[in-house]
Structure formats: structure tokens, C-alpha cells
């Protein structure tokens, strides 16, 4: 061949996909090149891909390596598929960014929804129960072994004094995930909701209460202050300038503490309190989401994913079995048959990519092109003619050819496999 034909259909099918970049091709020392990039034949593309990804770098770095030396149509897409299916790269991925804050529903009344957890302080275990509405906290020391039975006993003591809440939110610790605690919840008609394992942020309210209580007890111990008096000060301090103290919101009255004051039983409008709580929650979400966090896509049963190990940080393959009633929580199954419940942030979507049809017959309008000298240097021969205007070639990130009406009897398919339908006005009658 001494040049390009006027019609791409006259080209052999194996090189027809180079039609869009024909003016950038030349021959240098027996090698077909596109600028400074060597054209790699199909028989050597897999070997070249393996060399590009030899250092197990990411998609962007591998594409940068290829951009300076080798080329074939669809190389960037092939690199994306290679890196996406690399077991080593999938295992050592970074952790996913946090999703936008999903606040809990604000209760309509005090002691309707409470959170509970265990924490360790000064060589002892403690149970904490906090009200989501009033922010009131109750702390009890666990005597002896921190078992589920001991936690249930202390919980019953607090509930017998304050009443039975409608909902109890906890983590999936062994004390709360036991058969005894489930039976206790059923017998006392409590809706027990658990957060995703290995993800304490989903129960952030009680985690924040633990930090506050532990800091209060630490300061009280260091300053030789009665810890019970320190906790009383914590409960009788107003939440903010527009909300009363947790004790007043919970009990409907002010508690006498170590400060002189006139005890007045002021009634606070329920709607005003709820509006202020909602305003505080919206402000917290605004601060949390200001770094541009994005929501992760949902998962469906049977979908192939990878799950992050809590201890090593590595990602292992798994399959989604089901979605939990709790938001952003899924049940996945590992290759060993083990079923795990994990938050969406610990699950990465690795669904296999669709097959790329690189050698589909592209329908391209005929353009008159002069012959290309195969022995020319790296200079590029430009098109001339009545419509001789320099046309900007496609970038390396977009090697597909513009979808124009096909003249072949077979329907034209894009690289993703989608059938391209011609507009009715272009169909010859």
C-alpha cells in the first residue's frame, strides 16, 4: 500500500480502526509510529499491558507510562480493565472516603430513643446509656466480668428508674449481640437497633458521649473532685444558649447543683426544643459534609465486591448476599463461606467490566486523502482538497470514532456493546 484509500471500507478490517488517526501515522526504521509512540499489534498487546503494569501502579500512572512510548486504539480502556481486575492492586487499595453524614431521626420526646455502649476507664468497665433527645447520660460501673448478663442487669436498673425507651441503639459487641440481650429486648418490648460492625461512626452520638464522660472523670480524678459531683455538673449545664440542660429536658425540672440559684420550673415549648435540636443537627451535617463527601452507590445481592479487613486494611473478594434493614449496611459472603455484616464504606464495588469491542466495523464518511509515503520520516502528511481544513484528532483518552450511519447490513455496535440505531430520516427508501 502506498497510501490511504478514499473509503475506509477498502481497508483491511484489522487496521480499519486506525482510520481516525491516519494522518498521525508514519514509518520510522521499519516501525509504524503515531508521533513518538510505537504502534503495538494485537498479538503483542497483552504482553505490553503486563509490562506497563509491572510496577502495579494505578490507572493514571500506567496510562502516563503508555502515553510516552506505545499506542493502539483503546489502550486507555484496556489499562483501566487490567488494573481493575488485578488481584494485587484490589487487595492493597486505600480505604474509601466517608459518605455524607446520615443523622439519626430526632425523637419526639425525652427517653424515646437511647444509645448504649461500654467503655473502659481506670482499670474498670462502665456501662453508659444516653438519651438522644435530652443528651442526658447515665453511667454504671460493671462489677466483675463484663458479660451480657451484667450489662442487662445494669440496663434494667436504669430503665426501672427512667422508664422503658422505645428504641435502643448499640454496636455489635458480644454483650449486645448475644441471645440473652435479644431476649431481654423482646421481653421488654424494645426495638434494638445495632450499628454496622467495625464502624463506630454509625453510632457517633454515644461515642461522643463516652469521650465527654471519660474526659470529665479524668479531670475529676486529677483535681480530686468528687466524680459524682462532676457528672452532676455535666447534666445540669445547658446544651447551648437556646436549650436547657439535659437534666431539665429529661425531667422537666431543674436539678439543684453546687451553684446557688433560684429553682424555677420553667416549661419549655416542645416545638421550640425540637426545632432547636433539628437546627443543631443540620449544622453538624453541614460541617461534616463541607469537604465534598460523596454518596457511594448501592449494592445488590449477587454483586462481586471486595471487603476491607479491619486488622490488616487489605481488601478480600466477597459477594453481596443481602441488604440489612439498617442504612448503609450489607451482608457479604467471603470465599470461605463466612457471612459478614459490614458498612458500605468497607465494601468496594469490583463488578467485572463489560467486554470491549475494539474491532467493530466503524461507519465513517469517506474523505479524500492523498497517498502516504511509507518511507517518510516522522512528519505527518496533511489532507488537502476542496475542503482542506485541519481537523483536530481525537485525544488518547477518546479513541472511539464518531458514530455516523453505517452502510453495512449488520447493526453497528459501540465498544460497550450498545446497538447504534440510525435516525429514520437517514434511512434510504
Protein backbone atom coordinates (compact mmCIF):
# COMPACT_ATOMS: atom_id res chain seq x y z
CA UNK A 1 0.00 0.00 0.00
CA UNK A 2 1.30 3.43 -0.91
CA UNK A 3 -1.30 5.45 0.98
CA UNK A 4 -4.78 5.51 2.43
CA UNK A 5 -7.82 4.77 0.23
CA UNK A 6 -10.63 7.23 -0.13
CA UNK A 7 -13.11 4.91 1.59
CA UNK A 8 -12.32 3.21 4.94
CA UNK A 9 -14.30 0.18 3.81
CA UNK A 10 -11.50 -0.54 1.36
CA UNK A 11 -9.10 -1.08 4.26
CA UNK A 12 -8.47 -4.50 5.81
CA UNK A 13 -10.62 -4.88 8.89
CA UNK A 14 -7.59 -5.34 11.15
CA UNK A 15 -6.38 -1.76 10.51
CA UNK A 16 -9.69 -0.06 9.88
CA UNK A 17 -9.83 1.26 13.46
CA UNK A 18 -6.74 3.40 12.71
CA UNK A 19 -8.71 5.47 10.20
CA UNK A 20 -9.41 8.31 12.65
CA UNK A 21 -5.68 8.87 13.33
CA UNK A 22 -4.34 8.06 9.85
CA UNK A 23 -2.73 11.50 9.42
CA UNK A 24 -0.62 10.96 12.54
CA UNK A 25 0.89 7.66 11.40
CA UNK A 26 4.30 7.29 9.78
CA UNK A 27 7.08 4.72 9.40
CA UNK A 28 10.38 5.12 11.24
CA UNK A 29 13.11 2.49 10.82
CA UNK A 30 10.56 -0.14 9.92
CA UNK A 31 8.24 0.70 12.84
CA UNK A 32 4.79 2.20 12.45
CA UNK A 33 4.55 5.10 14.87
CA UNK A 34 1.97 7.64 15.97
CA UNK A 35 4.10 10.64 16.79
CA UNK A 36 6.68 9.20 19.19
CA UNK A 37 4.53 6.21 20.17
CA UNK A 38 5.10 2.82 18.61
CA UNK A 39 2.01 1.07 17.26
CA UNK A 40 1.65 -2.29 19.03
CA UNK A 41 -0.01 -5.10 17.03
CA UNK A 42 -2.87 -7.03 18.58
CA UNK A 43 -0.74 -10.14 19.12
CA UNK A 44 1.60 -8.22 21.45
CA UNK A 45 -0.88 -6.03 23.30
CA UNK A 46 -1.40 -8.33 26.29
CA UNK A 47 2.34 -8.70 26.79
CA UNK A 48 2.76 -4.93 26.55
CA UNK A 49 -0.05 -4.37 29.07
CA UNK A 50 1.70 -6.68 31.53
CA UNK A 51 4.91 -4.65 31.17
CA UNK A 52 3.05 -1.37 31.61
CA UNK A 53 1.54 -2.67 34.86
CA UNK A 54 4.74 -4.36 36.08
CA UNK A 55 5.09 -1.92 38.97
CA UNK A 56 1.40 -2.30 39.95
CA UNK A 57 0.79 1.42 39.71
CA UNK A 58 -2.66 2.92 39.41
CA UNK A 59 -4.66 3.60 36.27
CA UNK A 60 -3.41 7.16 35.82
CA UNK A 61 0.27 6.29 36.22
CA UNK A 62 0.02 3.31 33.88
CA UNK A 63 -1.66 5.47 31.25
CA UNK A 64 1.11 8.04 31.62
CA UNK A 65 3.72 5.32 31.06
CA UNK A 66 1.97 4.16 27.91
CA UNK A 67 1.43 7.68 26.62
CA UNK A 68 5.13 8.29 26.03
CA UNK A 69 6.02 5.12 24.14
CA UNK A 70 3.24 2.79 22.90
CA UNK A 71 -0.20 3.09 21.34
CA UNK A 72 -3.14 1.17 19.96
CA UNK A 73 -6.81 2.16 19.74
CA UNK A 74 -8.48 1.60 23.10
CA UNK A 75 -5.25 1.36 25.10
CA UNK A 76 -6.53 3.54 27.94
CA UNK A 77 -9.64 1.41 28.33
CA UNK A 78 -7.54 -1.75 28.30
CA UNK A 79 -5.34 -0.32 31.05
CA UNK A 80 -8.40 0.51 33.15
CA UNK A 81 -9.66 -3.05 32.81
CA UNK A 82 -6.26 -4.52 33.60
CA UNK A 83 -5.78 -2.50 36.79
CA UNK A 84 -9.40 -3.04 37.83
CA UNK A 85 -9.01 -6.83 37.60
CA UNK A 86 -5.53 -7.02 39.16
CA UNK A 87 -5.86 -9.08 42.34
CA UNK A 88 -2.78 -7.49 43.95
CA UNK A 89 -4.00 -3.95 43.29
CA UNK A 90 -7.51 -4.75 44.52
CA UNK A 91 -6.09 -6.23 47.74
CA UNK A 92 -3.97 -3.19 48.61
CA UNK A 93 -6.36 -0.37 47.74
CA UNK A 94 -6.75 2.60 50.04
CA UNK A 95 -9.76 2.86 52.28
CA UNK A 96 -12.80 4.58 50.86
CA UNK A 97 -13.70 8.11 51.86
CA UNK A 98 -16.56 8.64 54.29
CA UNK A 99 -20.03 9.21 52.94
CA UNK A 100 -22.16 12.26 53.74
CA UNK A 101 -23.47 12.33 57.28
CA UNK A 102 -26.71 10.42 57.79
CA UNK A 103 -28.15 11.81 61.05
CA UNK A 104 -30.45 9.81 63.27
CA UNK A 105 -34.07 10.80 63.39
CA UNK A 106 -34.71 13.28 66.19
CA UNK A 107 -37.04 11.74 68.81
CA UNK A 108 -40.35 13.45 69.53
CA UNK A 109 -39.99 13.20 73.30
CA UNK A 110 -37.40 12.51 76.02
CA UNK A 111 -36.26 8.93 76.60
CA UNK A 112 -37.85 7.70 73.38
CA UNK A 113 -34.52 6.69 71.80
CA UNK A 114 -31.40 5.93 73.81
CA UNK A 115 -27.91 4.80 72.93
CA UNK A 116 -25.81 2.41 74.97
CA UNK A 117 -22.23 1.22 74.98
CA UNK A 118 -19.39 0.02 77.19
CA UNK A 119 -16.12 1.81 77.90
CA UNK A 120 -13.02 1.18 80.00
CA UNK A 121 -11.71 3.72 82.49
CA UNK A 122 -9.25 3.47 85.37
CA UNK A 123 -8.98 -0.34 85.23
CA UNK A 124 -12.75 -0.82 85.29
CA UNK A 125 -15.56 -1.32 82.78
CA UNK A 126 -18.54 1.03 82.67
CA UNK A 127 -21.95 0.99 81.04
CA UNK A 128 -23.28 4.24 79.58
CA UNK A 129 -26.82 4.99 78.44
CA UNK A 130 -27.58 8.38 76.86
CA UNK A 131 -30.84 9.93 75.69
CA UNK A 132 -30.88 11.11 72.07
CA UNK A 133 -33.39 13.87 72.85
CA UNK A 134 -32.10 15.44 76.06
CA UNK A 135 -28.44 14.29 75.84
CA UNK A 136 -28.73 13.08 79.45
CA UNK A 137 -26.20 10.37 80.36
CA UNK A 138 -26.28 7.59 82.94
CA UNK A 139 -23.10 5.75 83.91
CA UNK A 140 -22.86 2.49 85.87
CA UNK A 141 -19.75 0.56 86.84
CA UNK A 142 -19.76 -3.10 85.81
CA UNK A 143 -18.78 -5.29 88.75
CA UNK A 144 -16.88 -8.47 87.97
CA UNK A 145 -16.93 -9.89 84.47
CA UNK A 146 -18.33 -7.62 81.77
CA UNK A 147 -20.81 -10.18 80.48
CA UNK A 148 -24.12 -9.81 78.73
CA UNK A 149 -25.95 -10.73 81.94
CA UNK A 150 -24.16 -7.96 83.87
CA UNK A 151 -24.98 -5.40 81.16
CA UNK A 152 -28.63 -6.45 81.14
CA UNK A 153 -28.88 -6.13 84.93
CA UNK A 154 -27.50 -2.58 84.94
CA UNK A 155 -29.69 -1.65 81.99
CA UNK A 156 -32.77 -2.89 83.83
CA UNK A 157 -31.84 -0.77 86.84
CA UNK A 158 -31.70 2.40 84.75
CA UNK A 159 -34.87 1.55 82.84
CA UNK A 160 -36.73 0.85 86.08
CA UNK A 161 -35.88 4.40 87.22
CA UNK A 162 -36.36 6.30 83.94
CA UNK A 163 -38.84 4.12 82.08
CA UNK A 164 -38.57 1.81 79.09
CA UNK A 165 -37.47 3.55 75.88
CA UNK A 166 -38.96 2.74 72.52
CA UNK A 167 -35.64 2.18 70.77
CA UNK A 168 -32.16 1.23 71.97
CA UNK A 169 -29.19 1.76 69.65
CA UNK A 170 -25.91 -0.08 70.28
CA UNK A 171 -22.95 -1.57 68.48
CA UNK A 172 -22.45 -5.27 67.73
CA UNK A 173 -20.32 -6.08 70.76
CA UNK A 174 -20.70 -9.57 72.22
CA UNK A 175 -22.71 -8.21 75.15
CA UNK A 176 -25.33 -6.71 72.80
CA UNK A 177 -25.25 -9.36 70.08
CA UNK A 178 -25.95 -12.19 72.48
CA UNK A 179 -29.06 -14.32 72.71
CA UNK A 180 -29.70 -13.03 76.24
CA UNK A 181 -29.80 -9.39 75.16
CA UNK A 182 -32.09 -10.18 72.23
CA UNK A 183 -34.46 -11.98 74.60
CA UNK A 184 -34.32 -9.06 77.03
CA UNK A 185 -35.26 -6.66 74.21
CA UNK A 186 -38.19 -8.83 73.19
CA UNK A 187 -39.46 -9.31 76.74
CA UNK A 188 -39.30 -5.58 77.48
CA UNK A 189 -40.73 -4.70 74.03
CA UNK A 190 -37.71 -2.65 72.97
CA UNK A 191 -36.69 -2.07 69.37
CA UNK A 192 -32.98 -2.95 69.47
CA UNK A 193 -31.03 -1.44 66.53
CA UNK A 194 -27.34 -2.21 66.03
CA UNK A 195 -24.78 -0.23 64.05
CA UNK A 196 -22.50 -1.73 61.40
CA UNK A 197 -19.65 -3.81 62.87
CA UNK A 198 -16.22 -2.16 62.84
CA UNK A 199 -17.81 1.21 62.15
CA UNK A 200 -18.35 3.18 65.38
CA UNK A 201 -19.11 6.35 63.40
CA UNK A 202 -22.58 4.97 62.68
CA UNK A 203 -23.29 5.28 66.42
CA UNK A 204 -21.41 8.55 66.75
CA UNK A 205 -23.71 10.07 69.37
CA UNK A 206 -22.90 7.54 72.06
CA UNK A 207 -19.21 7.56 71.10
CA UNK A 208 -19.15 11.33 71.63
CA UNK A 209 -20.89 10.93 74.98
CA UNK A 210 -18.24 8.42 76.04
CA UNK A 211 -15.48 10.90 75.19
CA UNK A 212 -17.19 13.60 77.24
CA UNK A 213 -17.77 11.35 80.26
CA UNK A 214 -14.25 9.90 80.23
CA UNK A 215 -12.73 13.37 79.98
CA UNK A 216 -14.91 14.58 82.86
CA UNK A 217 -13.90 11.62 85.06
CA UNK A 218 -10.22 12.05 84.16
CA UNK A 219 -10.22 15.72 85.14
CA UNK A 220 -12.17 15.00 88.31
CA UNK A 221 -9.65 12.36 89.37
CA UNK A 222 -6.67 14.59 88.65
CA UNK A 223 -8.16 17.54 90.56
CA UNK A 224 -9.51 15.42 93.46
CA UNK A 225 -13.11 16.37 92.69
CA UNK A 226 -15.96 14.03 93.56
CA UNK A 227 -16.72 12.19 90.25
CA UNK A 228 -20.46 12.12 91.04
CA UNK A 229 -20.47 15.89 91.51
CA UNK A 230 -18.59 16.27 88.22
CA UNK A 231 -21.24 14.18 86.44
CA UNK A 232 -23.98 16.27 88.08
CA UNK A 233 -22.36 19.44 86.72
CA UNK A 234 -22.30 17.80 83.30
CA UNK A 235 -26.02 17.02 83.45
CA UNK A 236 -27.06 20.45 84.73
CA UNK A 237 -25.10 22.52 82.20
CA UNK A 238 -27.26 23.95 79.38
CA UNK A 239 -26.74 22.31 75.99
CA UNK A 240 -26.39 25.70 74.33
CA UNK A 241 -27.68 29.25 74.68
CA UNK A 242 -31.13 28.27 73.39
CA UNK A 243 -31.55 24.84 75.01
CA UNK A 244 -31.75 24.00 78.72
CA UNK A 245 -29.66 21.38 80.47
CA UNK A 246 -30.00 17.64 79.74
CA UNK A 247 -31.46 17.06 83.20
CA UNK A 248 -34.13 19.73 82.69
CA UNK A 249 -35.09 18.41 79.26
CA UNK A 250 -35.34 14.87 80.58
CA UNK A 251 -37.07 15.52 83.91
CA UNK A 252 -38.96 18.72 83.14
CA UNK A 253 -37.38 20.46 86.12
CA UNK A 254 -34.08 21.98 87.17
CA UNK A 255 -31.77 19.99 89.41
CA UNK A 256 -30.02 21.64 92.33
CA UNK A 257 -26.25 21.51 91.96
CA UNK A 258 -23.33 23.21 93.72
CA UNK A 259 -24.20 26.66 92.33
CA UNK A 260 -26.66 28.96 94.11
CA UNK A 261 -29.76 29.55 92.01
CA UNK A 262 -33.50 30.06 92.19
CA UNK A 263 -35.24 26.84 91.32
CA UNK A 264 -37.94 27.79 88.85
CA UNK A 265 -39.84 25.17 86.94
CA UNK A 266 -39.95 26.76 83.53
CA UNK A 267 -41.87 24.87 80.90
CA UNK A 268 -40.18 24.79 77.52
CA UNK A 269 -42.24 24.62 74.38
CA UNK A 270 -41.84 21.19 72.83
CA UNK A 271 -41.87 22.52 69.28
CA UNK A 272 -39.19 25.09 70.06
CA UNK A 273 -36.95 22.43 71.58
CA UNK A 274 -37.42 20.13 68.60
CA UNK A 275 -36.69 22.95 66.15
CA UNK A 276 -33.51 23.86 68.01
CA UNK A 277 -32.36 20.23 68.09
CA UNK A 278 -33.00 19.95 64.35
CA UNK A 279 -31.05 23.16 63.75
CA UNK A 280 -28.08 21.81 65.71
CA UNK A 281 -28.20 18.56 63.77
CA UNK A 282 -28.33 20.34 60.42
CA UNK A 283 -25.33 22.43 61.41
CA UNK A 284 -23.39 19.30 62.35
CA UNK A 285 -24.18 17.73 58.98
CA UNK A 286 -23.11 20.91 57.19
CA UNK A 287 -19.72 20.89 58.94
CA UNK A 288 -19.30 17.16 58.32
CA UNK A 289 -20.10 17.31 54.60
CA UNK A 290 -18.21 20.50 53.73
CA UNK A 291 -15.20 18.55 52.42
CA UNK A 292 -17.16 17.34 49.40
CA UNK A 293 -18.04 13.83 50.51
CA UNK A 294 -19.95 11.73 48.01
CA UNK A 295 -22.52 9.03 48.48
CA UNK A 296 -21.43 5.54 47.46
CA UNK A 297 -23.54 3.56 45.03
CA UNK A 298 -25.98 0.99 46.35
CA UNK A 299 -25.27 -2.74 46.18
CA UNK A 300 -27.48 -5.61 45.03
CA UNK A 301 -27.44 -9.30 46.04
CA UNK A 302 -25.02 -11.35 43.97
CA UNK A 303 -22.75 -8.42 43.20
CA UNK A 304 -18.99 -9.09 43.32
CA UNK A 305 -17.19 -6.80 45.76
CA UNK A 306 -14.13 -6.60 47.97
CA UNK A 307 -14.31 -6.17 51.76
CA UNK A 308 -11.71 -4.37 53.85
CA UNK A 309 -10.18 -6.34 56.70
CA UNK A 310 -10.35 -4.36 59.94
CA UNK A 311 -6.95 -5.50 61.22
CA UNK A 312 -4.75 -5.53 58.10
CA UNK A 313 -6.55 -2.93 55.99
CA UNK A 314 -6.36 -5.24 52.96
CA UNK A 315 -9.29 -5.95 50.66
CA UNK A 316 -10.55 -9.50 50.07
CA UNK A 317 -13.09 -10.68 47.47
CA UNK A 318 -16.67 -11.31 48.55
CA UNK A 319 -20.23 -11.47 47.22
CA UNK A 320 -23.15 -9.38 48.47
CA UNK A 321 -25.83 -11.61 50.00
CA UNK A 322 -28.40 -9.13 51.24
CA UNK A 323 -29.01 -5.58 52.46
CA UNK A 324 -29.67 -5.04 56.17
CA UNK A 325 -32.63 -3.02 57.47
CA UNK A 326 -30.17 -0.52 58.89
CA UNK A 327 -28.97 2.10 56.38
CA UNK A 328 -25.70 1.54 54.51
CA UNK A 329 -25.26 -1.93 56.00
CA UNK A 330 -24.91 -5.15 53.97
CA UNK A 331 -24.33 -8.87 54.48
CA UNK A 332 -21.45 -10.22 52.38
CA UNK A 333 -20.06 -13.73 51.98
CA UNK A 334 -16.33 -14.44 51.72
CA UNK A 335 -14.79 -17.27 49.63
CA UNK A 336 -14.56 -19.36 52.82
CA UNK A 337 -18.34 -19.20 53.22
CA UNK A 338 -18.25 -16.79 56.17
CA UNK A 339 -21.05 -14.22 56.29
CA UNK A 340 -20.10 -10.74 57.50
CA UNK A 341 -22.09 -7.61 58.13
CA UNK A 342 -20.26 -4.51 57.00
CA UNK A 343 -20.92 -0.84 56.37
CA UNK A 344 -20.93 0.38 52.78
CA UNK A 345 -17.69 2.31 53.33
CA UNK A 346 -15.91 -1.03 53.98
CA UNK A 347 -17.24 -2.56 50.74
CA UNK A 348 -15.75 -1.68 47.37
CA UNK A 349 -17.55 -2.39 44.12
CA UNK A 350 -15.44 -4.58 41.80
CA UNK A 351 -18.07 -5.68 39.32
CA UNK A 352 -16.36 -7.06 36.17
CA UNK A 353 -16.22 -4.57 33.33
CA UNK A 354 -18.04 -5.20 30.10
CA UNK A 355 -16.16 -6.62 27.16
CA UNK A 356 -14.68 -4.03 24.83
CA UNK A 357 -15.43 -4.48 21.13
CA UNK A 358 -12.36 -2.79 19.72
CA UNK A 359 -12.51 -4.17 16.21
CA UNK A 360 -16.07 -3.32 15.33
CA UNK A 361 -16.51 -2.08 11.77
CA UNK A 362 -16.69 1.71 12.21
CA UNK A 363 -19.04 3.62 9.90
CA UNK A 364 -17.04 6.64 8.78
CA UNK A 365 -17.84 9.04 5.99
CA UNK A 366 -15.46 8.90 3.03
CA UNK A 367 -12.81 11.63 2.92
CA UNK A 368 -10.35 12.16 0.09
CA UNK A 369 -6.79 11.62 1.34
CA UNK A 370 -3.53 11.70 -0.61
CA UNK A 371 -1.17 8.77 -0.58
CA UNK A 372 1.06 8.26 2.43
CA UNK A 373 4.70 7.59 1.74
CA UNK A 374 5.68 4.60 3.89
CA UNK A 375 9.33 5.73 3.88
CA UNK A 376 8.63 9.27 5.03
CA UNK A 377 10.16 10.43 8.28
CA UNK A 378 8.11 11.30 11.32
CA UNK A 379 6.44 14.17 9.55
CA UNK A 380 2.72 13.91 9.17
CA UNK A 381 1.06 14.32 5.79
CA UNK A 382 -1.95 16.62 5.99
CA UNK A 383 -5.11 16.25 3.96
CA UNK A 384 -5.67 18.58 1.01
CA UNK A 385 -8.63 19.24 -1.29
CA UNK A 386 -11.62 21.46 -1.71
CA UNK A 387 -12.44 21.01 1.97
CA UNK A 388 -8.88 21.07 3.22
CA UNK A 389 -9.22 22.22 6.78
CA UNK A 390 -7.07 20.87 9.56
CA UNK A 391 -9.18 18.75 11.83
CA UNK A 392 -8.16 18.17 15.40
CA UNK A 393 -7.61 14.48 16.03
CA UNK A 394 -9.08 12.62 18.94
CA UNK A 395 -7.12 12.67 22.16
CA UNK A 396 -5.64 9.48 23.63
CA UNK A 397 -8.45 9.37 26.16
CA UNK A 398 -11.05 9.19 23.42
CA UNK A 399 -10.01 6.81 20.70
CA UNK A 400 -13.51 5.97 19.55
CA UNK A 401 -14.73 7.09 16.13
CA UNK A 402 -17.73 9.32 15.69
CA UNK A 403 -20.87 7.24 15.23
CA UNK A 404 -22.17 8.01 11.76
CA UNK A 405 -24.79 5.97 9.90
CA UNK A 406 -23.49 2.58 8.89
CA UNK A 407 -23.97 1.17 5.43
CA UNK A 408 -23.37 -2.46 6.37
CA UNK A 409 -26.26 -4.85 6.87
CA UNK A 410 -25.00 -5.81 10.32
CA UNK A 411 -26.02 -3.33 13.04
CA UNK A 412 -23.14 -1.25 14.31
CA UNK A 413 -22.30 -1.66 17.99
CA UNK A 414 -20.29 0.65 20.18
CA UNK A 415 -17.38 -0.57 22.26
CA UNK A 416 -19.70 -1.10 25.20
CA UNK A 417 -21.93 -3.33 23.06
CA UNK A 418 -24.81 -0.88 22.55
CA UNK A 419 -26.53 -1.08 19.16
CA UNK A 420 -26.46 2.23 17.28
CA UNK A 421 -29.80 2.94 15.59
CA UNK A 422 -29.90 5.23 12.57
CA UNK A 423 -32.38 8.10 12.59
CA UNK A 424 -35.43 7.38 10.45
CA UNK A 425 -34.74 10.38 8.21
CA UNK A 426 -31.41 8.89 7.12
CA UNK A 427 -32.77 5.51 6.09
CA UNK A 428 -32.97 5.17 2.31
CA UNK A 429 -36.32 4.19 0.87
